[in-house]
Every structure is written in structure tokens, then in C-alpha cells.
Amino acid sequence: SFLNLKMGAQYSSLSDIKTNEYVSRFISEEAISTNDPFWNQFLSFSQQSPFTSTYSKLLDESCLIHLQQFVLNNPKTKNYGTLIEVFIRFANIIHDDCKKYALKKCIILK
């Protein structure tokens, strides 16, 4: 496979996306609450470079069936909205941590 993604704290190839438990749960008929530990694992992915248009096309093709299932299930589960809420919460935590770190560095430097 050309592209490896790290989802759920482990690397997956494009062929593994079909069986990735985190992707499967996200697109399923199950609504996932904002405080479910699932989100910590689901959002702990990384992508190995290089990421080119060819890789992007392969990724799109690999995810098409999942996207179709997600489009069908999301009106009921609202997992996309929950993902946005969780992402904003994580972004705020990181933002606050950065501000605290910067403030701490300023105090130490004085």
C-alpha cells in the first residue's frame, strides 16, 4: 500500500481502513457521546509523508464505501457534530496549555 495512516494509536495501510475498528465505529449506527474514550483513540492518528495527489486519490477510493455508510448513519447518530465538539474541546485544552506554558516561561525569564 502507498499510504499508511496511524489511527487508534497504530499504523494502518489503506487496505486496513476497511477493518479499522475506530473508523467502523465512527460510521456505524451507534451514537458516540462526547465523553467516550473512543475519541482519544480515534483522534490519535498521524499520516506518514509524502502525501501526494496520487495518495489522496487512493485514500478517497479506499474510503468511498465508508463515506456512503457515514452519510446514511450520521443524521441519526450525529457523530460528525460530536466529532466537531470533541475537536473544539481538545483545541481549547491545547490552547490553554500553550498559554500556561508561555506564561510560565515569561515568569521564569524575568
PDB file of N, CA and C in Angstrom:
ATOM      1  N   SER A   1       0.834  -1.187   0.000  1.00  0.00           N
ATOM      2  CA  SER A   1       0.000   0.000   0.000  1.00  0.00           C
ATOM      3  C   SER A   1       0.877   1.249   0.000  1.00  0.00           C
ATOM      4  N   PHE A   2       0.404   2.305  -0.622  1.00  0.00           N
ATOM      5  CA  PHE A   2       1.192   3.518  -0.750  1.00  0.00           C
ATOM      6  C   PHE A   2       1.142   4.404   0.494  1.00  0.00           C
ATOM      7  N   LEU A   3       0.081   4.327   1.229  1.00  0.00           N
ATOM      8  CA  LEU A   3      -0.119   5.277   2.310  1.00  0.00           C
ATOM      9  C   LEU A   3      -0.391   4.541   3.602  1.00  0.00           C
ATOM     10  N   ASN A   4       0.234   5.007   4.650  1.00  0.00           N
ATOM     11  CA  ASN A   4      -0.035   4.464   5.969  1.00  0.00           C
ATOM     12  C   ASN A   4      -0.629   5.558   6.836  1.00  0.00           C
ATOM     13  N   LEU A   5      -1.679   5.230   7.542  1.00  0.00           N
ATOM     14  CA  LEU A   5      -2.296   6.131   8.497  1.00  0.00           C
ATOM     15  C   LEU A   5      -2.171   5.511   9.866  1.00  0.00           C
ATOM     16  N   LYS A   6      -2.013   6.343  10.858  1.00  0.00           N
ATOM     17  CA  LYS A   6      -1.982   5.840  12.224  1.00  0.00           C
ATOM     18  C   LYS A   6      -3.297   6.247  12.857  1.00  0.00           C
ATOM     19  N   MET A   7      -4.178   5.280  13.031  1.00  0.00           N
ATOM     20  CA  MET A   7      -5.485   5.551  13.634  1.00  0.00           C
ATOM     21  C   MET A   7      -5.653   4.628  14.813  1.00  0.00           C
ATOM     22  N   GLY A   8      -6.052   5.184  15.931  1.00  0.00           N
ATOM     23  CA  GLY A   8      -6.189   4.365  17.112  1.00  0.00           C
ATOM     24  C   GLY A   8      -4.832   3.947  17.636  1.00  0.00           C
ATOM     25  N   ALA A   9      -3.867   4.830  17.546  1.00  0.00           N
ATOM     26  CA  ALA A   9      -2.516   4.647  18.073  1.00  0.00           C
ATOM     27  C   ALA A   9      -1.740   3.516  17.401  1.00  0.00           C
ATOM     28  N   GLN A  10      -2.143   3.102  16.215  1.00  0.00           N
ATOM     29  CA  GLN A  10      -1.363   2.128  15.460  1.00  0.00           C
ATOM     30  C   GLN A  10      -1.475   2.428  13.972  1.00  0.00           C
ATOM     31  N   TYR A  11      -0.433   2.045  13.235  1.00  0.00           N
ATOM     32  CA  TYR A  11      -0.432   2.330  11.804  1.00  0.00           C
ATOM     33  C   TYR A  11      -1.344   1.380  11.061  1.00  0.00           C
ATOM     34  N   SER A  12      -2.028   1.912  10.076  1.00  0.00           N
ATOM     35  CA  SER A  12      -2.902   1.131   9.207  1.00  0.00           C
ATOM     36  C   SER A  12      -2.553   1.463   7.773  1.00  0.00           C
ATOM     37  N   SER A  13      -2.637   0.490   6.914  1.00  0.00           N
ATOM     38  CA  SER A  13      -2.463   0.762   5.494  1.00  0.00           C
ATOM     39  C   SER A  13      -3.836   1.061   4.913  1.00  0.00           C
ATOM     40  N   LEU A  14      -3.845   1.493   3.664  1.00  0.00           N
ATOM     41  CA  LEU A  14      -5.131   1.779   3.024  1.00  0.00           C
ATOM     42  C   LEU A  14      -6.032   0.561   3.048  1.00  0.00           C
ATOM     43  N   SER A  15      -5.454  -0.615   2.873  1.00  0.00           N
ATOM     44  CA  SER A  15      -6.279  -1.824   2.875  1.00  0.00           C
ATOM     45  C   SER A  15      -6.853  -2.112   4.256  1.00  0.00           C
ATOM     46  N   ASP A  16      -6.215  -1.608   5.311  1.00  0.00           N
ATOM     47  CA  ASP A  16      -6.698  -1.834   6.672  1.00  0.00           C
ATOM     48  C   ASP A  16      -7.865  -0.921   7.048  1.00  0.00           C
ATOM     49  N   ILE A  17      -8.088   0.121   6.278  1.00  0.00           N
ATOM     50  CA  ILE A  17      -9.161   1.061   6.612  1.00  0.00           C
ATOM     51  C   ILE A  17     -10.499   0.337   6.660  1.00  0.00           C
ATOM     52  N   LYS A  18     -10.683  -0.622   5.785  1.00  0.00           N
ATOM     53  CA  LYS A  18     -11.951  -1.361   5.735  1.00  0.00           C
ATOM     54  C   LYS A  18     -12.243  -2.087   7.036  1.00  0.00           C
ATOM     55  N   THR A  19     -11.198  -2.470   7.768  1.00  0.00           N
ATOM     56  CA  THR A  19     -11.390  -3.228   9.006  1.00  0.00           C
ATOM     57  C   THR A  19     -10.990  -2.446  10.254  1.00  0.00           C
ATOM     58  N   ASN A  20     -10.662  -1.174  10.093  1.00  0.00           N
ATOM     59  CA  ASN A  20     -10.255  -0.368  11.245  1.00  0.00           C
ATOM     60  C   ASN A  20     -11.428  -0.196  12.203  1.00  0.00           C
ATOM     61  N   GLU A  21     -11.248  -0.651  13.448  1.00  0.00           N
ATOM     62  CA  GLU A  21     -12.347  -0.642  14.411  1.00  0.00           C
ATOM     63  C   GLU A  21     -12.823   0.770  14.755  1.00  0.00           C
ATOM     64  N   TYR A  22     -11.941   1.745  14.714  1.00  0.00           N
ATOM     65  CA  TYR A  22     -12.327   3.113  15.059  1.00  0.00           C
ATOM     66  C   TYR A  22     -13.150   3.745  13.934  1.00  0.00           C
ATOM     67  N   VAL A  23     -12.710   3.539  12.707  1.00  0.00           N
ATOM     68  CA  VAL A  23     -13.474   4.032  11.559  1.00  0.00           C
ATOM     69  C   VAL A  23     -14.837   3.344  11.522  1.00  0.00           C
ATOM     70  N   SER A  24     -14.834   2.027  11.716  1.00  0.00           N
ATOM     71  CA  SER A  24     -16.092   1.265  11.683  1.00  0.00           C
ATOM     72  C   SER A  24     -17.076   1.766  12.732  1.00  0.00           C
ATOM     73  N   ARG A  25     -16.584   2.052  13.909  1.00  0.00           N
ATOM     74  CA  ARG A  25     -17.486   2.530  14.964  1.00  0.00           C
ATOM     75  C   ARG A  25     -17.990   3.944  14.656  1.00  0.00           C
ATOM     76  N   PHE A  26     -17.109   4.803  14.149  1.00  0.00           N
ATOM     77  CA  PHE A  26     -17.492   6.176  13.839  1.00  0.00           C
ATOM     78  C   PHE A  26     -18.603   6.233  12.798  1.00  0.00           C
ATOM     79  N   ILE A  27     -18.548   5.373  11.804  1.00  0.00           N
ATOM     80  CA  ILE A  27     -19.536   5.413  10.721  1.00  0.00           C
ATOM     81  C   ILE A  27     -20.745   4.517  10.982  1.00  0.00           C
ATOM     82  N   SER A  28     -20.744   3.805  12.101  1.00  0.00           N
ATOM     83  CA  SER A  28     -21.819   2.852  12.391  1.00  0.00           C
ATOM     84  C   SER A  28     -23.111   3.570  12.784  1.00  0.00           C
ATOM     85  N   GLU A  29     -24.107   2.792  13.147  1.00  0.00           N
ATOM     86  CA  GLU A  29     -25.398   3.330  13.593  1.00  0.00           C
ATOM     87  C   GLU A  29     -25.377   3.727  15.062  1.00  0.00           C
ATOM     88  N   GLU A  30     -24.224   3.577  15.708  1.00  0.00           N
ATOM     89  CA  GLU A  30     -24.082   3.897  17.133  1.00  0.00           C
ATOM     90  C   GLU A  30     -23.718   5.365  17.323  1.00  0.00           C
ATOM     91  N   ALA A  31     -24.478   6.064  18.142  1.00  0.00           N
ATOM     92  CA  ALA A  31     -24.127   7.434  18.517  1.00  0.00           C
ATOM     93  C   ALA A  31     -23.043   7.365  19.590  1.00  0.00           C
ATOM     94  N   ILE A  32     -21.999   8.154  19.421  1.00  0.00           N
ATOM     95  CA  ILE A  32     -20.872   8.151  20.356  1.00  0.00           C
ATOM     96  C   ILE A  32     -20.905   9.459  21.138  1.00  0.00           C
ATOM     97  N   SER A  33     -20.961   9.373  22.452  1.00  0.00           N
ATOM     98  CA  SER A  33     -21.060  10.578  23.281  1.00  0.00           C
ATOM     99  C   SER A  33     -19.731  11.333  23.306  1.00  0.00           C
ATOM    100  N   THR A  34     -19.796  12.601  23.635  1.00  0.00           N
ATOM    101  CA  THR A  34     -18.594  13.447  23.638  1.00  0.00           C
ATOM    102  C   THR A  34     -17.572  13.010  24.680  1.00  0.00           C
ATOM    103  N   ASN A  35     -18.008  12.339  25.730  1.00  0.00           N
ATOM    104  CA  ASN A  35     -17.058  11.939  26.779  1.00  0.00           C
ATOM    105  C   ASN A  35     -16.606  10.484  26.662  1.00  0.00           C
ATOM    106  N   ASP A  36     -16.903   9.834  25.544  1.00  0.00           N
ATOM    107  CA  ASP A  36     -16.490   8.450  25.326  1.00  0.00           C
ATOM    108  C   ASP A  36     -14.977   8.415  25.060  1.00  0.00           C
ATOM    109  N   PRO A  37     -14.246   7.517  25.732  1.00  0.00           N
ATOM    110  CA  PRO A  37     -12.797   7.405  25.497  1.00  0.00           C
ATOM    111  C   PRO A  37     -12.434   7.086  24.042  1.00  0.00           C
ATOM    112  N   PHE A  38     -13.404   6.654  23.266  1.00  0.00           N
ATOM    113  CA  PHE A  38     -13.212   6.388  21.843  1.00  0.00           C
ATOM    114  C   PHE A  38     -12.515   7.553  21.152  1.00  0.00           C
ATOM    115  N   TRP A  39     -12.919   8.787  21.469  1.00  0.00           N
ATOM    116  CA  TRP A  39     -12.409   9.955  20.756  1.00  0.00           C
ATOM    117  C   TRP A  39     -10.909  10.125  20.948  1.00  0.00           C
ATOM    118  N   ASN A  40     -10.399   9.800  22.136  1.00  0.00           N
ATOM    119  CA  ASN A  40      -8.952   9.917  22.361  1.00  0.00           C
ATOM    120  C   ASN A  40      -8.183   9.029  21.397  1.00  0.00           C
ATOM    121  N   GLN A  41      -8.676   7.834  21.167  1.00  0.00           N
ATOM    122  CA  GLN A  41      -8.017   6.917  20.250  1.00  0.00           C
ATOM    123  C   GLN A  41      -8.275   7.297  18.795  1.00  0.00           C
ATOM    124  N   PHE A  42      -9.518   7.635  18.482  1.00  0.00           N
ATOM    125  CA  PHE A  42      -9.885   7.956  17.105  1.00  0.00           C
ATOM    126  C   PHE A  42      -9.094   9.153  16.591  1.00  0.00           C
ATOM    127  N   LEU A  43      -8.855  10.125  17.453  1.00  0.00           N
ATOM    128  CA  LEU A  43      -8.171  11.345  17.031  1.00  0.00           C
ATOM    129  C   LEU A  43      -6.660  11.259  17.190  1.00  0.00           C
ATOM    130  N   SER A  44      -6.142  10.124  17.606  1.00  0.00           N
ATOM    131  CA  SER A  44      -4.691   9.986  17.775  1.00  0.00           C
ATOM    132  C   SER A  44      -4.088   9.324  16.549  1.00  0.00           C
ATOM    133  N   PHE A  45      -4.351   9.888  15.391  1.00  0.00           N
ATOM    134  CA  PHE A  45      -3.801   9.325  14.161  1.00  0.00           C
ATOM    135  C   PHE A  45      -2.767  10.273  13.596  1.00  0.00           C
ATOM    136  N   SER A  46      -1.878   9.718  12.840  1.00  0.00           N
ATOM    137  CA  SER A  46      -0.912  10.530  12.111  1.00  0.00           C
ATOM    138  C   SER A  46      -0.754   9.936  10.727  1.00  0.00           C
ATOM    139  N   GLN A  47      -0.290  10.740   9.873  1.00  0.00           N
ATOM    140  CA  GLN A  47      -0.186  10.350   8.474  1.00  0.00           C
ATOM    141  C   GLN A  47       1.286  10.423   8.093  1.00  0.00           C
ATOM    142  N   GLN A  48       1.776   9.409   7.441  1.00  0.00           N
ATOM    143  CA  GLN A  48       3.168   9.416   7.015  1.00  0.00           C
ATOM    144  C   GLN A  48       3.305  10.144   5.687  1.00  0.00           C
ATOM    145  N   SER A  49       4.304  10.975   5.583  1.00  0.00           N
ATOM    146  CA  SER A  49       4.591  11.686   4.340  1.00  0.00           C
ATOM    147  C   SER A  49       5.338  10.759   3.408  1.00  0.00           C
ATOM    148  N   PRO A  50       5.387  11.003   2.142  1.00  0.00           N
ATOM    149  CA  PRO A  50       4.786  12.138   1.463  1.00  0.00           C
ATOM    150  C   PRO A  50       3.309  11.893   1.144  1.00  0.00           C
ATOM    151  N   PHE A  51       2.549  12.942   1.144  1.00  0.00           N
ATOM    152  CA  PHE A  51       1.128  12.866   0.831  1.00  0.00           C
ATOM    153  C   PHE A  51       0.926  13.614  -0.475  1.00  0.00           C
ATOM    154  N   THR A  52       0.730  12.872  -1.548  1.00  0.00           N
ATOM    155  CA  THR A  52       0.611  13.463  -2.879  1.00  0.00           C
ATOM    156  C   THR A  52      -0.814  13.302  -3.388  1.00  0.00           C
ATOM    157  N   SER A  53      -1.062  13.848  -4.540  1.00  0.00           N
ATOM    158  CA  SER A  53      -2.397  13.725  -5.136  1.00  0.00           C
ATOM    159  C   SER A  53      -2.715  12.263  -5.461  1.00  0.00           C
ATOM    160  N   THR A  54      -1.709  11.480  -5.805  1.00  0.00           N
ATOM    161  CA  THR A  54      -1.928  10.053  -6.072  1.00  0.00           C
ATOM    162  C   THR A  54      -2.388   9.347  -4.800  1.00  0.00           C
ATOM    163  N   TYR A  55      -1.707   9.620  -3.698  1.00  0.00           N
ATOM    164  CA  TYR A  55      -2.088   9.024  -2.419  1.00  0.00           C
ATOM    165  C   TYR A  55      -3.481   9.484  -2.003  1.00  0.00           C
ATOM    166  N   SER A  56      -3.735  10.744  -2.240  1.00  0.00           N
ATOM    167  CA  SER A  56      -5.045  11.293  -1.898  1.00  0.00           C
ATOM    168  C   SER A  56      -6.148  10.568  -2.659  1.00  0.00           C
ATOM    169  N   LYS A  57      -5.908  10.319  -3.932  1.00  0.00           N
ATOM    170  CA  LYS A  57      -6.902   9.605  -4.749  1.00  0.00           C
ATOM    171  C   LYS A  57      -7.104   8.181  -4.237  1.00  0.00           C
ATOM    172  N   LEU A  58      -6.026   7.501  -3.882  1.00  0.00           N
ATOM    173  CA  LEU A  58      -6.123   6.149  -3.324  1.00  0.00           C
ATOM    174  C   LEU A  58      -6.900   6.153  -2.013  1.00  0.00           C
ATOM    175  N   LEU A  59      -6.645   7.153  -1.187  1.00  0.00           N
ATOM    176  CA  LEU A  59      -7.360   7.280   0.087  1.00  0.00           C
ATOM    177  C   LEU A  59      -8.849   7.510  -0.156  1.00  0.00           C
ATOM    178  N   ASP A  60      -9.160   8.407  -1.088  1.00  0.00           N
ATOM    179  CA  ASP A  60     -10.565   8.667  -1.434  1.00  0.00           C
ATOM    180  C   ASP A  60     -11.270   7.393  -1.891  1.00  0.00           C
ATOM    181  N   GLU A  61     -10.609   6.643  -2.751  1.00  0.00           N
ATOM    182  CA  GLU A  61     -11.199   5.408  -3.267  1.00  0.00           C
ATOM    183  C   GLU A  61     -11.379   4.374  -2.151  1.00  0.00           C
ATOM    184  N   SER A  62     -10.422   4.310  -1.234  1.00  0.00           N
ATOM    185  CA  SER A  62     -10.498   3.348  -0.134  1.00  0.00           C
ATOM    186  C   SER A  62     -11.615   3.688   0.846  1.00  0.00           C
ATOM    187  N   CYS A  63     -11.912   4.954   0.955  1.00  0.00           N
ATOM    188  CA  CYS A  63     -12.896   5.405   1.948  1.00  0.00           C
ATOM    189  C   CYS A  63     -14.303   5.565   1.395  1.00  0.00           C
ATOM    190  N   LEU A  64     -14.489   5.399   0.116  1.00  0.00           N
ATOM    191  CA  LEU A  64     -15.781   5.686  -0.509  1.00  0.00           C
ATOM    192  C   LEU A  64     -16.936   4.916   0.119  1.00  0.00           C
ATOM    193  N   ILE A  65     -16.788   3.637   0.335  1.00  0.00           N
ATOM    194  CA  ILE A  65     -17.881   2.850   0.914  1.00  0.00           C
ATOM    195  C   ILE A  65     -18.167   3.286   2.350  1.00  0.00           C
ATOM    196  N   HIS A  66     -17.099   3.644   3.077  1.00  0.00           N
ATOM    197  CA  HIS A  66     -17.280   4.137   4.451  1.00  0.00           C
ATOM    198  C   HIS A  66     -18.017   5.478   4.443  1.00  0.00           C
ATOM    199  N   LEU A  67     -17.654   6.317   3.498  1.00  0.00           N
ATOM    200  CA  LEU A  67     -18.313   7.611   3.391  1.00  0.00           C
ATOM    201  C   LEU A  67     -19.797   7.448   3.110  1.00  0.00           C
ATOM    202  N   GLN A  68     -20.139   6.516   2.239  1.00  0.00           N
ATOM    203  CA  GLN A  68     -21.546   6.263   1.939  1.00  0.00           C
ATOM    204  C   GLN A  68     -22.307   5.795   3.183  1.00  0.00           C
ATOM    205  N   GLN A  69     -21.692   4.902   3.952  1.00  0.00           N
ATOM    206  CA  GLN A  69     -22.323   4.429   5.184  1.00  0.00           C
ATOM    207  C   GLN A  69     -22.443   5.566   6.194  1.00  0.00           C
ATOM    208  N   PHE A  70     -21.408   6.396   6.280  1.00  0.00           N
ATOM    209  CA  PHE A  70     -21.425   7.528   7.197  1.00  0.00           C
ATOM    210  C   PHE A  70     -22.551   8.503   6.851  1.00  0.00           C
ATOM    211  N   VAL A  71     -22.712   8.789   5.559  1.00  0.00           N
ATOM    212  CA  VAL A  71     -23.766   9.709   5.108  1.00  0.00           C
ATOM    213  C   VAL A  71     -25.145   9.164   5.473  1.00  0.00           C
ATOM    214  N   LEU A  72     -25.323   7.875   5.396  1.00  0.00           N
ATOM    215  CA  LEU A  72     -26.601   7.264   5.763  1.00  0.00           C
ATOM    216  C   LEU A  72     -26.854   7.294   7.269  1.00  0.00           C
ATOM    217  N   ASN A  73     -25.817   7.058   8.059  1.00  0.00           N
ATOM    218  CA  ASN A  73     -25.986   6.920   9.506  1.00  0.00           C
ATOM    219  C   ASN A  73     -25.880   8.218  10.289  1.00  0.00           C
ATOM    220  N   ASN A  74     -25.131   9.192   9.781  1.00  0.00           N
ATOM    221  CA  ASN A  74     -24.899  10.405  10.559  1.00  0.00           C
ATOM    222  C   ASN A  74     -26.159  11.191  10.921  1.00  0.00           C
ATOM    223  N   PRO A  75     -27.177  11.271  10.079  1.00  0.00           N
ATOM    224  CA  PRO A  75     -28.382  12.001  10.510  1.00  0.00           C
ATOM    225  C   PRO A  75     -28.986  11.443  11.808  1.00  0.00           C
ATOM    226  N   LYS A  76     -28.808  10.145  12.023  1.00  0.00           N
ATOM    227  CA  LYS A  76     -29.318   9.513  13.248  1.00  0.00           C
ATOM    228  C   LYS A  76     -28.315   9.652  14.398  1.00  0.00           C
ATOM    229  N   THR A  77     -27.047   9.370  14.132  1.00  0.00           N
ATOM    230  CA  THR A  77     -26.044   9.340  15.206  1.00  0.00           C
ATOM    231  C   THR A  77     -25.514  10.719  15.572  1.00  0.00           C
ATOM    232  N   LYS A  78     -25.437  11.596  14.595  1.00  0.00           N
ATOM    233  CA  LYS A  78     -24.859  12.931  14.767  1.00  0.00           C
ATOM    234  C   LYS A  78     -23.393  12.859  15.218  1.00  0.00           C
ATOM    235  N   ASN A  79     -22.705  11.780  14.811  1.00  0.00           N
ATOM    236  CA  ASN A  79     -21.305  11.615  15.194  1.00  0.00           C
ATOM    237  C   ASN A  79     -20.401  12.692  14.605  1.00  0.00           C
ATOM    238  N   TYR A  80     -20.758  13.236  13.456  1.00  0.00           N
ATOM    239  CA  TYR A  80     -19.947  14.314  12.887  1.00  0.00           C
ATOM    240  C   TYR A  80     -19.998  15.548  13.787  1.00  0.00           C
ATOM    241  N   GLY A  81     -21.184  15.897  14.241  1.00  0.00           N
ATOM    242  CA  GLY A  81     -21.320  17.029  15.167  1.00  0.00           C
ATOM    243  C   GLY A  81     -20.577  16.782  16.463  1.00  0.00           C
ATOM    244  N   THR A  82     -20.637  15.539  16.943  1.00  0.00           N
ATOM    245  CA  THR A  82     -19.912  15.184  18.159  1.00  0.00           C
ATOM    246  C   THR A  82     -18.413  15.289  17.928  1.00  0.00           C
ATOM    247  N   LEU A  83     -17.946  14.858  16.770  1.00  0.00           N
ATOM    248  CA  LEU A  83     -16.530  14.987  16.424  1.00  0.00           C
ATOM    249  C   LEU A  83     -16.096  16.450  16.479  1.00  0.00           C
ATOM    250  N   ILE A  84     -16.904  17.335  15.941  1.00  0.00           N
ATOM    251  CA  ILE A  84     -16.577  18.770  15.961  1.00  0.00           C
ATOM    252  C   ILE A  84     -16.514  19.275  17.404  1.00  0.00           C
ATOM    253  N   GLU A  85     -17.490  18.891  18.233  1.00  0.00           N
ATOM    254  CA  GLU A  85     -17.481  19.293  19.645  1.00  0.00           C
ATOM    255  C   GLU A  85     -16.224  18.816  20.358  1.00  0.00           C
ATOM    256  N   VAL A  86     -15.874  17.558  20.145  1.00  0.00           N
ATOM    257  CA  VAL A  86     -14.685  16.983  20.787  1.00  0.00           C
ATOM    258  C   VAL A  86     -13.428  17.687  20.285  1.00  0.00           C
ATOM    259  N   PHE A  87     -13.350  17.934  18.990  1.00  0.00           N
ATOM    260  CA  PHE A  87     -12.194  18.610  18.423  1.00  0.00           C
ATOM    261  C   PHE A  87     -12.042  20.012  19.024  1.00  0.00           C
ATOM    262  N   ILE A  88     -13.130  20.738  19.144  1.00  0.00           N
ATOM    263  CA  ILE A  88     -13.072  22.085  19.732  1.00  0.00           C
ATOM    264  C   ILE A  88     -12.626  21.999  21.189  1.00  0.00           C
ATOM    265  N   ARG A  89     -13.138  21.010  21.925  1.00  0.00           N
ATOM    266  CA  ARG A  89     -12.724  20.838  23.319  1.00  0.00           C
ATOM    267  C   ARG A  89     -11.226  20.558  23.397  1.00  0.00           C
ATOM    268  N   PHE A  90     -10.733  19.653  22.555  1.00  0.00           N
ATOM    269  CA  PHE A  90      -9.295  19.353  22.552  1.00  0.00           C
ATOM    270  C   PHE A  90      -8.476  20.573  22.154  1.00  0.00           C
ATOM    271  N   ALA A  91      -8.932  21.313  21.162  1.00  0.00           N
ATOM    272  CA  ALA A  91      -8.219  22.515  20.726  1.00  0.00           C
ATOM    273  C   ALA A  91      -8.148  23.539  21.850  1.00  0.00           C
ATOM    274  N   ASN A  92      -9.232  23.694  22.605  1.00  0.00           N
ATOM    275  CA  ASN A  92      -9.230  24.627  23.729  1.00  0.00           C
ATOM    276  C   ASN A  92      -8.266  24.181  24.820  1.00  0.00           C
ATOM    277  N   ILE A  93      -8.198  22.886  25.072  1.00  0.00           N
ATOM    278  CA  ILE A  93      -7.264  22.369  26.074  1.00  0.00           C
ATOM    279  C   ILE A  93      -5.827  22.657  25.647  1.00  0.00           C
ATOM    280  N   ILE A  94      -5.522  22.401  24.392  1.00  0.00           N
ATOM    281  CA  ILE A  94      -4.176  22.660  23.882  1.00  0.00           C
ATOM    282  C   ILE A  94      -3.868  24.149  23.932  1.00  0.00           C
ATOM    283  N   HIS A  95      -4.833  24.961  23.552  1.00  0.00           N
ATOM    284  CA  HIS A  95      -4.661  26.416  23.585  1.00  0.00           C
ATOM    285  C   HIS A  95      -4.367  26.888  25.006  1.00  0.00           C
ATOM    286  N   ASP A  96      -5.148  26.414  25.965  1.00  0.00           N
ATOM    287  CA  ASP A  96      -4.949  26.800  27.365  1.00  0.00           C
ATOM    288  C   ASP A  96      -3.584  26.337  27.874  1.00  0.00           C
ATOM    289  N   ASP A  97      -3.189  25.122  27.514  1.00  0.00           N
ATOM    290  CA  ASP A  97      -1.876  24.612  27.921  1.00  0.00           C
ATOM    291  C   ASP A  97      -0.749  25.455  27.341  1.00  0.00           C
ATOM    292  N   CYS A  98      -0.898  25.876  26.103  1.00  0.00           N
ATOM    293  CA  CYS A  98       0.121  26.721  25.472  1.00  0.00           C
ATOM    294  C   CYS A  98       0.218  28.069  26.170  1.00  0.00           C
ATOM    295  N   LYS A  99      -0.926  28.645  26.514  1.00  0.00           N
ATOM    296  CA  LYS A  99      -0.928  29.922  27.225  1.00  0.00           C
ATOM    297  C   LYS A  99      -0.253  29.779  28.588  1.00  0.00           C
ATOM    298  N   LYS A 100      -0.559  28.697  29.302  1.00  0.00           N
ATOM    299  CA  LYS A 100       0.068  28.463  30.616  1.00  0.00           C
ATOM    300  C   LYS A 100       1.571  28.287  30.469  1.00  0.00           C
ATOM    301  N   TYR A 101       1.990  27.545  29.458  1.00  0.00           N
ATOM    302  CA  TYR A 101       3.411  27.316  29.226  1.00  0.00           C
ATOM    303  C   TYR A 101       4.109  28.638  28.897  1.00  0.00           C
ATOM    304  N   ALA A 102       3.491  29.435  28.026  1.00  0.00           N
ATOM    305  CA  ALA A 102       4.079  30.721  27.645  1.00  0.00           C
ATOM    306  C   ALA A 102       4.165  31.641  28.860  1.00  0.00           C
ATOM    307  N   LEU A 103       3.145  31.660  29.669  1.00  0.00           N
ATOM    308  CA  LEU A 103       3.156  32.492  30.867  1.00  0.00           C
ATOM    309  C   LEU A 103       4.243  32.015  31.828  1.00  0.00           C
ATOM    310  N   LYS A 104       4.366  30.741  32.002  1.00  0.00           N
ATOM    311  CA  LYS A 104       5.381  30.170  32.885  1.00  0.00           C
ATOM    312  C   LYS A 104       6.775  30.552  32.381  1.00  0.00           C
ATOM    313  N   LYS A 105       7.007  30.487  31.083  1.00  0.00           N
ATOM    314  CA  LYS A 105       8.303  30.842  30.507  1.00  0.00           C
ATOM    315  C   LYS A 105       8.578  32.328  30.719  1.00  0.00           C
ATOM    316  N   CYS A 106       7.579  33.172  30.586  1.00  0.00           N
ATOM    317  CA  CYS A 106       7.763  34.607  30.775  1.00  0.00           C
ATOM    318  C   CYS A 106       8.152  34.909  32.221  1.00  0.00           C
ATOM    319  N   ILE A 107       7.527  34.243  33.146  1.00  0.00           N
ATOM    320  CA  ILE A 107       7.815  34.460  34.571  1.00  0.00           C
ATOM    321  C   ILE A 107       9.236  34.001  34.892  1.00  0.00           C
ATOM    322  N   ILE A 108       9.639  32.875  34.348  1.00  0.00           N
ATOM    323  CA  ILE A 108      10.984  32.346  34.597  1.00  0.00           C
ATOM    324  C   ILE A 108      12.053  33.250  33.988  1.00  0.00           C
ATOM    325  N   LEU A 109      11.780  33.831  32.826  1.00  0.00           N
ATOM    326  CA  LEU A 109      12.757  34.668  32.141  1.00  0.00           C
ATOM    327  C   LEU A 109      12.949  36.014  32.808  1.00  0.00           C
ATOM    328  N   LYS A 110      12.002  36.462  33.584  1.00  0.00           N
ATOM    329  CA  LYS A 110      12.117  37.801  34.194  1.00  0.00           C
ATOM    330  C   LYS A 110      13.090  37.838  35.306  1.00  0.00           C
TER     331      LYS A 110
END
